[in-house]
Amino acid sequence: MKIAIFGASGGTGLLLTNHCLAAGHEVTALLRSPEAFPLRDRTNVIYGNACDGHAVLQTVAGSDVVLSALGARTWNKEDVLENAVPHIVTAMRQTGVRRIIALGFAGALPNSLDKQPFLHRWIVQRFVYNTFLKWPVASQMSQYATLSASGLDWTMVMPPKLNNLPGRGRYRIDSDALPRNGNRISREDVAAFMMQQIDDPQWIGKGVYITW
């Protein structure tokens, strides 16, 4: 299968790319600095960035599936998802590619913490989502809105805090809200789950929460 990957050089994107290559898929990755990408010799590299519609179109063309691990790299207002995701959606419509699995964040929807204990929910909403994670959360909300209105076969995978621990190979998933007391998961497990969605229609047209 031919897979286009955005955000392939990031922490989760690199694991996602490696999973796809290990499974025998042909990967095309859009990279701003391909010389620093450790898997460049095994991927089809498109030089550019995801805020450039032409580079995005080149990356998507000829693919069967799109995977996106794009996201803000700081707590500042970066607008990466606000700019890039519409370009990806447009390119997919132009080329007839239907399936996209995107990395999101558990705070992308207002009901994300409904299953958490009250005190935890209050602290996170008041002192985290509304302060230093204000802009990353706003970007994820924008991504969700763009995908849900796209008419594509989309899935947005929404973990809480990511870490770099080895994957456990087991996790909890929920379509309504982040599972109770779920506050972290490894990038390895998220990447593995995202790749599994390529052939699984269960979460098409939905956001899905995932945590340990």
N, C-alpha and C. Protein backbone atom coordinates (compact mmCIF):
# COMPACT_ATOMS: atom_id res chain seq x y z
N MET A 1 0.84 -1.19 0.00
CA MET A 1 0.00 0.00 0.00
C MET A 1 0.88 1.25 0.00
N LYS A 2 0.44 2.27 -0.69
CA LYS A 2 1.18 3.53 -0.75
C LYS A 2 0.61 4.51 0.27
N ILE A 3 1.50 4.98 1.15
CA ILE A 3 1.07 5.81 2.27
C ILE A 3 1.81 7.14 2.26
N ALA A 4 1.07 8.23 2.35
CA ALA A 4 1.66 9.57 2.49
C ALA A 4 1.65 9.93 3.97
N ILE A 5 2.80 10.39 4.47
CA ILE A 5 2.91 10.73 5.88
C ILE A 5 3.35 12.19 6.04
N PHE A 6 2.59 12.91 6.86
CA PHE A 6 2.94 14.28 7.23
C PHE A 6 3.38 14.28 8.69
N GLY A 7 4.41 15.04 9.01
CA GLY A 7 4.95 15.04 10.36
C GLY A 7 5.81 13.83 10.63
N ALA A 8 6.42 13.27 9.59
CA ALA A 8 7.17 12.02 9.72
C ALA A 8 8.43 12.17 10.56
N SER A 9 8.96 13.37 10.70
CA SER A 9 10.20 13.56 11.44
C SER A 9 9.99 13.82 12.93
N GLY A 10 8.73 13.95 13.35
CA GLY A 10 8.44 14.19 14.76
C GLY A 10 8.55 12.91 15.59
N GLY A 11 8.37 13.05 16.90
CA GLY A 11 8.52 11.91 17.78
C GLY A 11 7.58 10.76 17.46
N THR A 12 6.31 11.06 17.25
CA THR A 12 5.34 10.02 16.91
C THR A 12 5.41 9.69 15.42
N GLY A 13 5.65 10.69 14.59
CA GLY A 13 5.70 10.47 13.15
C GLY A 13 6.82 9.54 12.72
N LEU A 14 7.95 9.62 13.40
CA LEU A 14 9.07 8.75 13.07
C LEU A 14 8.73 7.29 13.39
N LEU A 15 8.08 7.07 14.52
CA LEU A 15 7.64 5.71 14.88
C LEU A 15 6.59 5.22 13.90
N LEU A 16 5.69 6.10 13.51
CA LEU A 16 4.64 5.74 12.56
C LEU A 16 5.24 5.35 11.21
N THR A 17 6.21 6.12 10.76
CA THR A 17 6.89 5.81 9.50
C THR A 17 7.58 4.45 9.57
N ASN A 18 8.24 4.21 10.69
CA ASN A 18 8.95 2.95 10.86
C ASN A 18 7.99 1.77 10.86
N HIS A 19 6.84 1.92 11.51
CA HIS A 19 5.82 0.86 11.52
C HIS A 19 5.35 0.56 10.09
N CYS A 20 5.11 1.61 9.32
CA CYS A 20 4.62 1.42 7.95
C CYS A 20 5.66 0.72 7.08
N LEU A 21 6.91 1.14 7.21
CA LEU A 21 7.97 0.51 6.42
C LEU A 21 8.15 -0.96 6.83
N ALA A 22 8.09 -1.23 8.12
CA ALA A 22 8.25 -2.60 8.61
C ALA A 22 7.13 -3.51 8.11
N ALA A 23 5.96 -2.92 7.87
CA ALA A 23 4.83 -3.69 7.38
C ALA A 23 4.85 -3.85 5.86
N GLY A 24 5.87 -3.28 5.21
CA GLY A 24 6.02 -3.44 3.77
C GLY A 24 5.32 -2.39 2.93
N HIS A 25 4.84 -1.33 3.56
CA HIS A 25 4.17 -0.27 2.81
C HIS A 25 5.19 0.65 2.15
N GLU A 26 4.79 1.27 1.06
CA GLU A 26 5.62 2.27 0.39
C GLU A 26 5.25 3.64 0.95
N VAL A 27 6.23 4.33 1.50
CA VAL A 27 5.98 5.59 2.21
C VAL A 27 6.53 6.79 1.46
N THR A 28 5.70 7.82 1.34
CA THR A 28 6.14 9.12 0.85
C THR A 28 6.00 10.11 2.00
N ALA A 29 7.07 10.83 2.31
CA ALA A 29 7.07 11.74 3.45
C ALA A 29 7.43 13.15 3.00
N LEU A 30 6.68 14.12 3.48
CA LEU A 30 6.98 15.52 3.23
C LEU A 30 7.88 16.02 4.35
N LEU A 31 9.08 16.49 4.00
CA LEU A 31 10.08 16.85 5.00
C LEU A 31 10.70 18.21 4.71
N ARG A 32 10.85 18.99 5.76
CA ARG A 32 11.53 20.28 5.61
C ARG A 32 13.05 20.10 5.63
N SER A 33 13.53 19.10 6.34
CA SER A 33 14.98 18.85 6.45
C SER A 33 15.25 17.36 6.21
N PRO A 34 15.13 16.92 4.98
CA PRO A 34 15.29 15.49 4.70
C PRO A 34 16.65 14.93 5.05
N GLU A 35 17.70 15.78 5.03
CA GLU A 35 19.04 15.29 5.34
C GLU A 35 19.17 14.82 6.79
N ALA A 36 18.26 15.27 7.66
CA ALA A 36 18.30 14.86 9.07
C ALA A 36 17.35 13.72 9.38
N PHE A 37 16.64 13.25 8.38
CA PHE A 37 15.63 12.21 8.60
C PHE A 37 16.29 10.84 8.52
N PRO A 38 16.28 10.05 9.59
CA PRO A 38 17.03 8.78 9.61
C PRO A 38 16.49 7.70 8.68
N LEU A 39 15.25 7.85 8.20
CA LEU A 39 14.66 6.83 7.33
C LEU A 39 14.59 7.30 5.88
N ARG A 40 15.35 8.33 5.54
CA ARG A 40 15.23 8.93 4.20
C ARG A 40 15.59 7.96 3.08
N ASP A 41 16.49 7.02 3.35
CA ASP A 41 16.90 6.09 2.30
C ASP A 41 15.84 5.03 2.01
N ARG A 42 14.83 4.96 2.86
CA ARG A 42 13.78 3.95 2.69
C ARG A 42 12.44 4.57 2.35
N THR A 43 12.41 5.89 2.19
CA THR A 43 11.15 6.58 1.88
C THR A 43 11.29 7.40 0.61
N ASN A 44 10.14 7.72 0.03
CA ASN A 44 10.09 8.68 -1.07
C ASN A 44 9.97 10.07 -0.43
N VAL A 45 10.96 10.88 -0.57
CA VAL A 45 11.01 12.17 0.12
C VAL A 45 10.55 13.29 -0.79
N ILE A 46 9.62 14.09 -0.28
CA ILE A 46 9.22 15.33 -0.93
C ILE A 46 9.74 16.47 -0.05
N TYR A 47 10.51 17.36 -0.64
CA TYR A 47 11.08 18.47 0.13
C TYR A 47 10.09 19.62 0.18
N GLY A 48 9.81 20.08 1.40
CA GLY A 48 8.89 21.20 1.55
C GLY A 48 8.22 21.15 2.90
N ASN A 49 7.14 21.92 3.07
CA ASN A 49 6.42 21.90 4.34
C ASN A 49 4.92 21.81 4.09
N ALA A 50 4.21 21.44 5.13
CA ALA A 50 2.79 21.13 5.00
C ALA A 50 1.91 22.36 4.87
N CYS A 51 2.50 23.54 4.94
CA CYS A 51 1.73 24.77 4.72
C CYS A 51 1.84 25.24 3.28
N ASP A 52 2.50 24.44 2.43
CA ASP A 52 2.65 24.73 1.01
C ASP A 52 1.74 23.77 0.24
N GLY A 53 0.69 24.31 -0.33
CA GLY A 53 -0.30 23.47 -1.00
C GLY A 53 0.28 22.63 -2.12
N HIS A 54 1.25 23.16 -2.86
CA HIS A 54 1.83 22.40 -3.96
C HIS A 54 2.62 21.21 -3.44
N ALA A 55 3.41 21.41 -2.39
CA ALA A 55 4.18 20.31 -1.81
C ALA A 55 3.27 19.25 -1.21
N VAL A 56 2.19 19.68 -0.61
CA VAL A 56 1.21 18.74 -0.05
C VAL A 56 0.58 17.91 -1.16
N LEU A 57 0.23 18.55 -2.26
CA LEU A 57 -0.37 17.83 -3.39
C LEU A 57 0.60 16.79 -3.95
N GLN A 58 1.86 17.14 -4.07
CA GLN A 58 2.88 16.20 -4.54
C GLN A 58 2.97 14.99 -3.62
N THR A 59 2.86 15.22 -2.34
CA THR A 59 2.98 14.15 -1.35
C THR A 59 1.78 13.21 -1.39
N VAL A 60 0.60 13.76 -1.53
CA VAL A 60 -0.63 12.96 -1.50
C VAL A 60 -0.84 12.19 -2.81
N ALA A 61 -0.45 12.77 -3.93
CA ALA A 61 -0.72 12.17 -5.24
C ALA A 61 -0.19 10.74 -5.32
N GLY A 62 -1.05 9.83 -5.75
CA GLY A 62 -0.65 8.44 -5.92
C GLY A 62 -0.74 7.59 -4.68
N SER A 63 -1.15 8.19 -3.56
CA SER A 63 -1.23 7.44 -2.31
C SER A 63 -2.59 6.76 -2.16
N ASP A 64 -2.61 5.75 -1.32
CA ASP A 64 -3.86 5.07 -0.96
C ASP A 64 -4.42 5.60 0.35
N VAL A 65 -3.53 6.02 1.24
CA VAL A 65 -3.89 6.47 2.58
C VAL A 65 -2.99 7.62 2.98
N VAL A 66 -3.53 8.53 3.78
CA VAL A 66 -2.75 9.62 4.34
C VAL A 66 -2.69 9.46 5.86
N LEU A 67 -1.51 9.59 6.43
CA LEU A 67 -1.32 9.60 7.87
C LEU A 67 -0.71 10.95 8.25
N SER A 68 -1.22 11.55 9.29
CA SER A 68 -0.68 12.83 9.73
C SER A 68 -0.34 12.78 11.21
N ALA A 69 0.91 13.12 11.51
CA ALA A 69 1.35 13.26 12.90
C ALA A 69 1.77 14.71 13.15
N LEU A 70 1.17 15.62 12.40
CA LEU A 70 1.48 17.04 12.55
C LEU A 70 0.95 17.57 13.88
N GLY A 71 1.59 18.60 14.37
CA GLY A 71 1.13 19.24 15.58
C GLY A 71 2.09 20.33 16.00
N ALA A 72 1.67 21.14 16.94
CA ALA A 72 2.52 22.21 17.43
C ALA A 72 3.73 21.64 18.17
N ARG A 73 4.88 22.25 17.99
CA ARG A 73 6.11 21.81 18.68
C ARG A 73 6.38 22.63 19.93
N THR A 74 5.63 23.70 20.13
CA THR A 74 5.78 24.53 21.34
C THR A 74 4.39 24.87 21.86
N TRP A 75 4.34 25.61 22.97
CA TRP A 75 3.07 26.04 23.52
C TRP A 75 2.61 27.37 22.92
N ASN A 76 3.38 27.90 21.98
CA ASN A 76 3.04 29.18 21.38
C ASN A 76 2.01 29.00 20.27
N LYS A 77 1.51 30.11 19.77
CA LYS A 77 0.54 30.09 18.67
C LYS A 77 1.30 29.86 17.36
N GLU A 78 1.20 28.65 16.82
CA GLU A 78 1.96 28.30 15.62
C GLU A 78 1.08 28.18 14.37
N ASP A 79 -0.17 27.81 14.55
CA ASP A 79 -1.13 27.68 13.44
C ASP A 79 -0.73 26.62 12.41
N VAL A 80 0.05 25.64 12.81
CA VAL A 80 0.46 24.59 11.87
C VAL A 80 -0.75 23.82 11.36
N LEU A 81 -1.57 23.35 12.29
CA LEU A 81 -2.73 22.55 11.88
C LEU A 81 -3.77 23.40 11.15
N GLU A 82 -3.93 24.63 11.60
CA GLU A 82 -4.90 25.52 10.94
C GLU A 82 -4.53 25.74 9.47
N ASN A 83 -3.23 25.79 9.17
CA ASN A 83 -2.79 26.01 7.80
C ASN A 83 -2.62 24.72 7.00
N ALA A 84 -2.09 23.68 7.64
CA ALA A 84 -1.73 22.47 6.91
C ALA A 84 -2.91 21.56 6.61
N VAL A 85 -3.78 21.34 7.58
CA VAL A 85 -4.86 20.36 7.39
C VAL A 85 -5.79 20.74 6.24
N PRO A 86 -6.18 22.00 6.07
CA PRO A 86 -6.98 22.33 4.88
C PRO A 86 -6.26 22.02 3.57
N HIS A 87 -4.94 22.21 3.52
CA HIS A 87 -4.19 21.85 2.31
C HIS A 87 -4.25 20.34 2.06
N ILE A 88 -4.12 19.57 3.13
CA ILE A 88 -4.18 18.10 2.99
C ILE A 88 -5.54 17.67 2.50
N VAL A 89 -6.59 18.22 3.09
CA VAL A 89 -7.96 17.88 2.67
C VAL A 89 -8.19 18.24 1.21
N THR A 90 -7.75 19.41 0.81
CA THR A 90 -7.90 19.84 -0.59
C THR A 90 -7.16 18.91 -1.53
N ALA A 91 -5.92 18.55 -1.18
CA ALA A 91 -5.13 17.65 -2.02
C ALA A 91 -5.78 16.28 -2.13
N MET A 92 -6.34 15.79 -1.05
CA MET A 92 -7.01 14.49 -1.08
C MET A 92 -8.24 14.53 -1.98
N ARG A 93 -8.99 15.60 -1.92
CA ARG A 93 -10.16 15.73 -2.79
C ARG A 93 -9.74 15.78 -4.25
N GLN A 94 -8.67 16.50 -4.54
CA GLN A 94 -8.21 16.64 -5.92
C GLN A 94 -7.69 15.33 -6.49
N THR A 95 -7.10 14.51 -5.65
CA THR A 95 -6.49 13.27 -6.13
C THR A 95 -7.35 12.03 -5.90
N GLY A 96 -8.47 12.20 -5.22
CA GLY A 96 -9.36 11.07 -5.00
C GLY A 96 -8.96 10.15 -3.86
N VAL A 97 -8.02 10.57 -3.02
CA VAL A 97 -7.64 9.78 -1.86
C VAL A 97 -8.68 10.00 -0.76
N ARG A 98 -9.18 8.91 -0.18
CA ARG A 98 -10.29 9.03 0.76
C ARG A 98 -9.90 8.92 2.23
N ARG A 99 -8.93 8.08 2.54
CA ARG A 99 -8.68 7.71 3.94
C ARG A 99 -7.56 8.55 4.55
N ILE A 100 -7.84 9.14 5.74
CA ILE A 100 -6.83 9.88 6.49
C ILE A 100 -6.97 9.55 7.96
N ILE A 101 -5.84 9.24 8.59
CA ILE A 101 -5.78 9.03 10.03
C ILE A 101 -4.84 10.08 10.59
N ALA A 102 -5.35 10.90 11.51
CA ALA A 102 -4.57 12.04 12.01
C ALA A 102 -4.36 11.93 13.51
N LEU A 103 -3.19 12.33 13.95
CA LEU A 103 -2.90 12.41 15.37
C LEU A 103 -3.51 13.69 15.92
N GLY A 104 -4.31 13.55 16.96
CA GLY A 104 -4.92 14.70 17.60
C GLY A 104 -4.47 14.81 19.05
N PHE A 105 -5.38 15.29 19.88
CA PHE A 105 -5.08 15.48 21.30
C PHE A 105 -6.38 15.37 22.07
N ALA A 106 -6.31 14.81 23.28
CA ALA A 106 -7.53 14.55 24.05
C ALA A 106 -8.32 15.81 24.38
N GLY A 107 -7.67 16.96 24.32
CA GLY A 107 -8.39 18.20 24.62
C GLY A 107 -9.08 18.84 23.44
N ALA A 108 -9.17 18.13 22.32
CA ALA A 108 -9.72 18.74 21.11
C ALA A 108 -11.22 18.98 21.17
N LEU A 109 -11.92 18.26 22.05
CA LEU A 109 -13.36 18.40 22.14
C LEU A 109 -13.78 18.80 23.55
N PRO A 110 -14.87 19.55 23.69
CA PRO A 110 -15.30 20.03 25.01
C PRO A 110 -15.60 18.91 26.00
N ASN A 111 -16.03 17.75 25.50
CA ASN A 111 -16.42 16.65 26.40
C ASN A 111 -15.26 15.72 26.74
N SER A 112 -14.05 16.09 26.37
CA SER A 112 -12.92 15.17 26.47
C SER A 112 -12.66 14.66 27.88
N LEU A 113 -12.97 15.46 28.89
CA LEU A 113 -12.67 15.09 30.27
C LEU A 113 -13.89 14.64 31.06
N ASP A 114 -15.00 14.39 30.39
CA ASP A 114 -16.25 14.08 31.10
C ASP A 114 -16.16 12.87 32.01
N LYS A 115 -15.28 11.94 31.71
CA LYS A 115 -15.18 10.71 32.52
C LYS A 115 -14.09 10.80 33.59
N GLN A 116 -13.42 11.94 33.66
CA GLN A 116 -12.38 12.12 34.67
C GLN A 116 -12.98 12.56 36.01
N PRO A 117 -12.29 12.28 37.12
CA PRO A 117 -12.76 12.78 38.42
C PRO A 117 -12.93 14.29 38.39
N PHE A 118 -13.90 14.80 39.15
CA PHE A 118 -14.25 16.22 39.07
C PHE A 118 -13.05 17.12 39.32
N LEU A 119 -12.27 16.86 40.38
CA LEU A 119 -11.17 17.74 40.71
C LEU A 119 -10.13 17.76 39.59
N HIS A 120 -9.82 16.59 39.05
CA HIS A 120 -8.87 16.52 37.93
C HIS A 120 -9.40 17.30 36.73
N ARG A 121 -10.68 17.12 36.43
CA ARG A 121 -11.29 17.82 35.29
C ARG A 121 -11.22 19.33 35.47
N TRP A 122 -11.53 19.80 36.66
CA TRP A 122 -11.53 21.24 36.95
C TRP A 122 -10.13 21.82 36.83
N ILE A 123 -9.15 21.13 37.39
CA ILE A 123 -7.77 21.62 37.35
C ILE A 123 -7.26 21.69 35.92
N VAL A 124 -7.48 20.63 35.15
CA VAL A 124 -6.97 20.60 33.77
C VAL A 124 -7.64 21.67 32.92
N GLN A 125 -8.96 21.79 33.01
CA GLN A 125 -9.66 22.77 32.19
C GLN A 125 -9.29 24.20 32.57
N ARG A 126 -9.17 24.46 33.87
CA ARG A 126 -8.93 25.84 34.32
C ARG A 126 -7.47 26.25 34.21
N PHE A 127 -6.56 25.33 34.55
CA PHE A 127 -5.16 25.72 34.68
C PHE A 127 -4.25 25.14 33.59
N VAL A 128 -4.77 24.28 32.75
CA VAL A 128 -3.94 23.71 31.68
C VAL A 128 -4.48 24.11 30.31
N TYR A 129 -5.69 23.67 29.99
CA TYR A 129 -6.24 23.95 28.66
C TYR A 129 -6.46 25.44 28.42
N ASN A 130 -6.72 26.19 29.48
CA ASN A 130 -7.00 27.62 29.31
C ASN A 130 -5.78 28.50 29.52
N THR A 131 -4.62 27.89 29.77
CA THR A 131 -3.42 28.70 30.01
C THR A 131 -2.31 28.28 29.05
N PHE A 132 -1.36 27.44 29.51
CA PHE A 132 -0.20 27.18 28.67
C PHE A 132 -0.48 26.24 27.50
N LEU A 133 -1.59 25.49 27.54
CA LEU A 133 -1.95 24.67 26.38
C LEU A 133 -3.09 25.31 25.55
N LYS A 134 -3.32 26.56 25.78
CA LYS A 134 -4.43 27.25 25.10
C LYS A 134 -4.31 27.15 23.59
N TRP A 135 -3.13 27.47 23.04
CA TRP A 135 -2.98 27.50 21.58
C TRP A 135 -2.90 26.11 20.97
N PRO A 136 -2.16 25.15 21.57
CA PRO A 136 -2.19 23.79 21.02
C PRO A 136 -3.59 23.19 21.01
N VAL A 137 -4.37 23.44 22.07
CA VAL A 137 -5.74 22.94 22.12
C VAL A 137 -6.58 23.58 21.02
N ALA A 138 -6.43 24.88 20.83
CA ALA A 138 -7.18 25.57 19.78
C ALA A 138 -6.84 25.00 18.40
N SER A 139 -5.58 24.66 18.18
CA SER A 139 -5.17 24.07 16.90
C SER A 139 -5.81 22.71 16.70
N GLN A 140 -5.85 21.91 17.75
CA GLN A 140 -6.47 20.59 17.64
C GLN A 140 -7.97 20.69 17.41
N MET A 141 -8.61 21.67 18.02
CA MET A 141 -10.04 21.90 17.76
C MET A 141 -10.26 22.26 16.30
N SER A 142 -9.35 23.07 15.75
CA SER A 142 -9.45 23.44 14.34
C SER A 142 -9.27 22.22 13.45
N GLN A 143 -8.30 21.36 13.78
CA GLN A 143 -8.10 20.15 12.98
C GLN A 143 -9.34 19.27 13.00
N TYR A 144 -9.93 19.09 14.17
CA TYR A 144 -11.13 18.26 14.27
C TYR A 144 -12.26 18.83 13.41
N ALA A 145 -12.45 20.14 13.48
CA ALA A 145 -13.51 20.78 12.71
C ALA A 145 -13.28 20.61 11.21
N THR A 146 -12.04 20.77 10.78
CA THR A 146 -11.73 20.64 9.35
C THR A 146 -11.95 19.21 8.86
N LEU A 147 -11.49 18.24 9.62
CA LEU A 147 -11.66 16.84 9.22
C LEU A 147 -13.12 16.43 9.23
N SER A 148 -13.86 16.83 10.24
CA SER A 148 -15.25 16.41 10.35
C SER A 148 -16.12 17.01 9.25
N ALA A 149 -15.67 18.13 8.68
CA ALA A 149 -16.43 18.77 7.59
C ALA A 149 -15.89 18.40 6.22
N SER A 150 -14.88 17.53 6.17
CA SER A 150 -14.17 17.27 4.92
C SER A 150 -14.90 16.35 3.95
N GLY A 151 -15.77 15.50 4.48
CA GLY A 151 -16.42 14.50 3.62
C GLY A 151 -15.52 13.31 3.32
N LEU A 152 -14.34 13.27 3.94
CA LEU A 152 -13.40 12.17 3.72
C LEU A 152 -13.63 11.06 4.74
N ASP A 153 -12.95 9.95 4.56
CA ASP A 153 -12.99 8.85 5.52
C ASP A 153 -11.90 9.10 6.56
N TRP A 154 -12.21 9.94 7.53
CA TRP A 154 -11.21 10.42 8.48
C TRP A 154 -11.35 9.74 9.84
N THR A 155 -10.24 9.66 10.53
CA THR A 155 -10.20 9.25 11.93
C THR A 155 -9.18 10.13 12.63
N MET A 156 -9.55 10.67 13.79
CA MET A 156 -8.62 11.47 14.57
C MET A 156 -8.35 10.73 15.88
N VAL A 157 -7.11 10.35 16.09
CA VAL A 157 -6.70 9.59 17.28
C VAL A 157 -6.27 10.59 18.35
N MET A 158 -6.92 10.54 19.53
CA MET A 158 -6.77 11.61 20.52
C MET A 158 -6.23 11.08 21.85
N PRO A 159 -4.91 11.06 21.99
CA PRO A 159 -4.29 10.65 23.25
C PRO A 159 -4.16 11.83 24.21
N PRO A 160 -3.91 11.56 25.50
CA PRO A 160 -3.53 12.62 26.44
C PRO A 160 -2.03 12.87 26.34
N LYS A 161 -1.36 13.02 27.44
CA LYS A 161 0.08 13.27 27.44
C LYS A 161 0.83 12.08 26.84
N LEU A 162 1.74 12.37 25.90
CA LEU A 162 2.54 11.33 25.27
C LEU A 162 3.90 11.22 25.96
N ASN A 163 4.41 9.99 26.04
CA ASN A 163 5.76 9.82 26.56
C ASN A 163 6.55 8.92 25.62
N ASN A 164 7.83 8.76 25.89
CA ASN A 164 8.71 7.98 25.02
C ASN A 164 9.06 6.61 25.60
N LEU A 165 8.24 6.12 26.50
CA LEU A 165 8.45 4.79 27.07
C LEU A 165 8.14 3.71 26.03
N PRO A 166 8.66 2.51 26.20
CA PRO A 166 8.31 1.42 25.28
C PRO A 166 6.81 1.17 25.28
N GLY A 167 6.29 0.77 24.14
CA GLY A 167 4.87 0.47 24.04
C GLY A 167 4.50 -0.77 24.86
N ARG A 168 3.29 -0.78 25.40
CA ARG A 168 2.81 -1.92 26.17
C ARG A 168 2.05 -2.90 25.30
N GLY A 169 1.59 -2.40 24.15
CA GLY A 169 0.78 -3.26 23.30
C GLY A 169 -0.64 -3.42 23.78
N ARG A 170 -1.03 -2.65 24.76
CA ARG A 170 -2.41 -2.66 25.26
C ARG A 170 -2.77 -1.25 25.72
N TYR A 171 -4.04 -0.91 25.57
CA TYR A 171 -4.49 0.43 25.89
C TYR A 171 -6.00 0.43 25.95
N ARG A 172 -6.57 1.53 26.41
CA ARG A 172 -8.02 1.68 26.46
C ARG A 172 -8.44 2.70 25.41
N ILE A 173 -9.54 2.44 24.75
CA ILE A 173 -10.05 3.37 23.75
C ILE A 173 -11.52 3.67 24.03
N ASP A 174 -11.95 4.85 23.63
CA ASP A 174 -13.32 5.29 23.90
C ASP A 174 -13.67 6.38 22.89
N SER A 175 -14.88 6.35 22.41
CA SER A 175 -15.29 7.37 21.43
C SER A 175 -15.98 8.56 22.09
N ASP A 176 -16.33 8.45 23.36
CA ASP A 176 -17.10 9.50 24.03
C ASP A 176 -16.24 10.50 24.80
N ALA A 177 -15.24 9.99 25.51
CA ALA A 177 -14.38 10.85 26.32
C ALA A 177 -13.15 10.05 26.72
N LEU A 178 -12.15 10.74 27.22
CA LEU A 178 -10.95 10.06 27.68
C LEU A 178 -11.30 9.11 28.82
N PRO A 179 -10.93 7.83 28.74
CA PRO A 179 -11.26 6.89 29.80
C PRO A 179 -10.80 7.38 31.18
N ARG A 180 -11.54 7.02 32.20
CA ARG A 180 -11.29 7.49 33.56
C ARG A 180 -9.85 7.21 33.98
N ASN A 181 -9.25 8.22 34.59
CA ASN A 181 -7.88 8.16 35.09
C ASN A 181 -6.84 7.92 33.99
N GLY A 182 -7.22 8.14 32.76
CA GLY A 182 -6.27 8.04 31.67
C GLY A 182 -5.55 9.36 31.49
N ASN A 183 -4.25 9.38 31.70
CA ASN A 183 -3.54 10.66 31.58
C ASN A 183 -2.24 10.57 30.79
N ARG A 184 -1.92 9.37 30.27
CA ARG A 184 -0.70 9.27 29.47
C ARG A 184 -0.69 7.97 28.68
N ILE A 185 0.16 7.95 27.66
CA ILE A 185 0.35 6.77 26.83
C ILE A 185 1.64 6.97 26.04
N SER A 186 2.26 5.89 25.60
CA SER A 186 3.50 6.01 24.85
C SER A 186 3.23 6.35 23.39
N ARG A 187 4.16 7.06 22.79
CA ARG A 187 4.07 7.35 21.36
C ARG A 187 4.06 6.04 20.55
N GLU A 188 4.80 5.05 21.04
CA GLU A 188 4.88 3.77 20.35
C GLU A 188 3.50 3.13 20.22
N ASP A 189 2.73 3.13 21.29
CA ASP A 189 1.40 2.53 21.24
C ASP A 189 0.45 3.34 20.36
N VAL A 190 0.57 4.66 20.40
CA VAL A 190 -0.27 5.50 19.56
C VAL A 190 0.04 5.29 18.09
N ALA A 191 1.33 5.21 17.75
CA ALA A 191 1.73 4.99 16.37
C ALA A 191 1.23 3.65 15.87
N ALA A 192 1.33 2.62 16.70
CA ALA A 192 0.86 1.30 16.31
C ALA A 192 -0.65 1.31 16.08
N PHE A 193 -1.39 1.98 16.96
CA PHE A 193 -2.85 2.07 16.82
C PHE A 193 -3.23 2.83 15.55
N MET A 194 -2.52 3.91 15.27
CA MET A 194 -2.82 4.68 14.06
C MET A 194 -2.64 3.83 12.81
N MET A 195 -1.57 3.06 12.75
CA MET A 195 -1.35 2.25 11.57
C MET A 195 -2.42 1.17 11.43
N GLN A 196 -2.91 0.65 12.55
CA GLN A 196 -3.95 -0.36 12.51
C GLN A 196 -5.24 0.17 11.87
N GLN A 197 -5.44 1.48 11.95
CA GLN A 197 -6.67 2.06 11.42
C GLN A 197 -6.71 2.11 9.89
N ILE A 198 -5.59 1.84 9.26
CA ILE A 198 -5.55 1.85 7.80
C ILE A 198 -6.57 0.87 7.21
N ASP A 199 -6.68 -0.30 7.84
CA ASP A 199 -7.57 -1.34 7.33
C ASP A 199 -8.80 -1.56 8.21
N ASP A 200 -8.98 -0.72 9.22
CA ASP A 200 -10.08 -0.91 10.16
C ASP A 200 -11.10 0.22 10.00
N PRO A 201 -12.33 -0.08 9.60
CA PRO A 201 -13.33 0.96 9.38
C PRO A 201 -14.06 1.41 10.64
N GLN A 202 -13.75 0.82 11.79
CA GLN A 202 -14.53 1.07 13.00
C GLN A 202 -14.63 2.54 13.37
N TRP A 203 -13.53 3.28 13.20
CA TRP A 203 -13.51 4.65 13.68
C TRP A 203 -13.57 5.67 12.54
N ILE A 204 -14.01 5.26 11.38
CA ILE A 204 -14.15 6.22 10.26
C ILE A 204 -15.21 7.25 10.61
N GLY A 205 -14.86 8.50 10.38
CA GLY A 205 -15.78 9.60 10.66
C GLY A 205 -15.89 9.93 12.13
N LYS A 206 -14.87 9.54 12.93
CA LYS A 206 -14.95 9.74 14.37
C LYS A 206 -13.59 10.14 14.94
N GLY A 207 -13.65 10.73 16.12
CA GLY A 207 -12.47 10.89 16.93
C GLY A 207 -12.47 9.78 17.97
N VAL A 208 -11.30 9.25 18.28
CA VAL A 208 -11.22 8.17 19.25
C VAL A 208 -10.16 8.49 20.30
N TYR A 209 -10.53 8.40 21.56
CA TYR A 209 -9.59 8.64 22.65
C TYR A 209 -8.82 7.36 22.94
N ILE A 210 -7.54 7.50 23.25
CA ILE A 210 -6.70 6.35 23.54
C ILE A 210 -5.78 6.69 24.70
N THR A 211 -5.68 5.78 25.67
CA THR A 211 -4.82 5.99 26.83
C THR A 211 -4.47 4.64 27.45
N TRP A 212 -3.49 4.63 28.33
CA TRP A 212 -3.18 3.43 29.08
C TRP A 212 -4.23 3.23 30.16
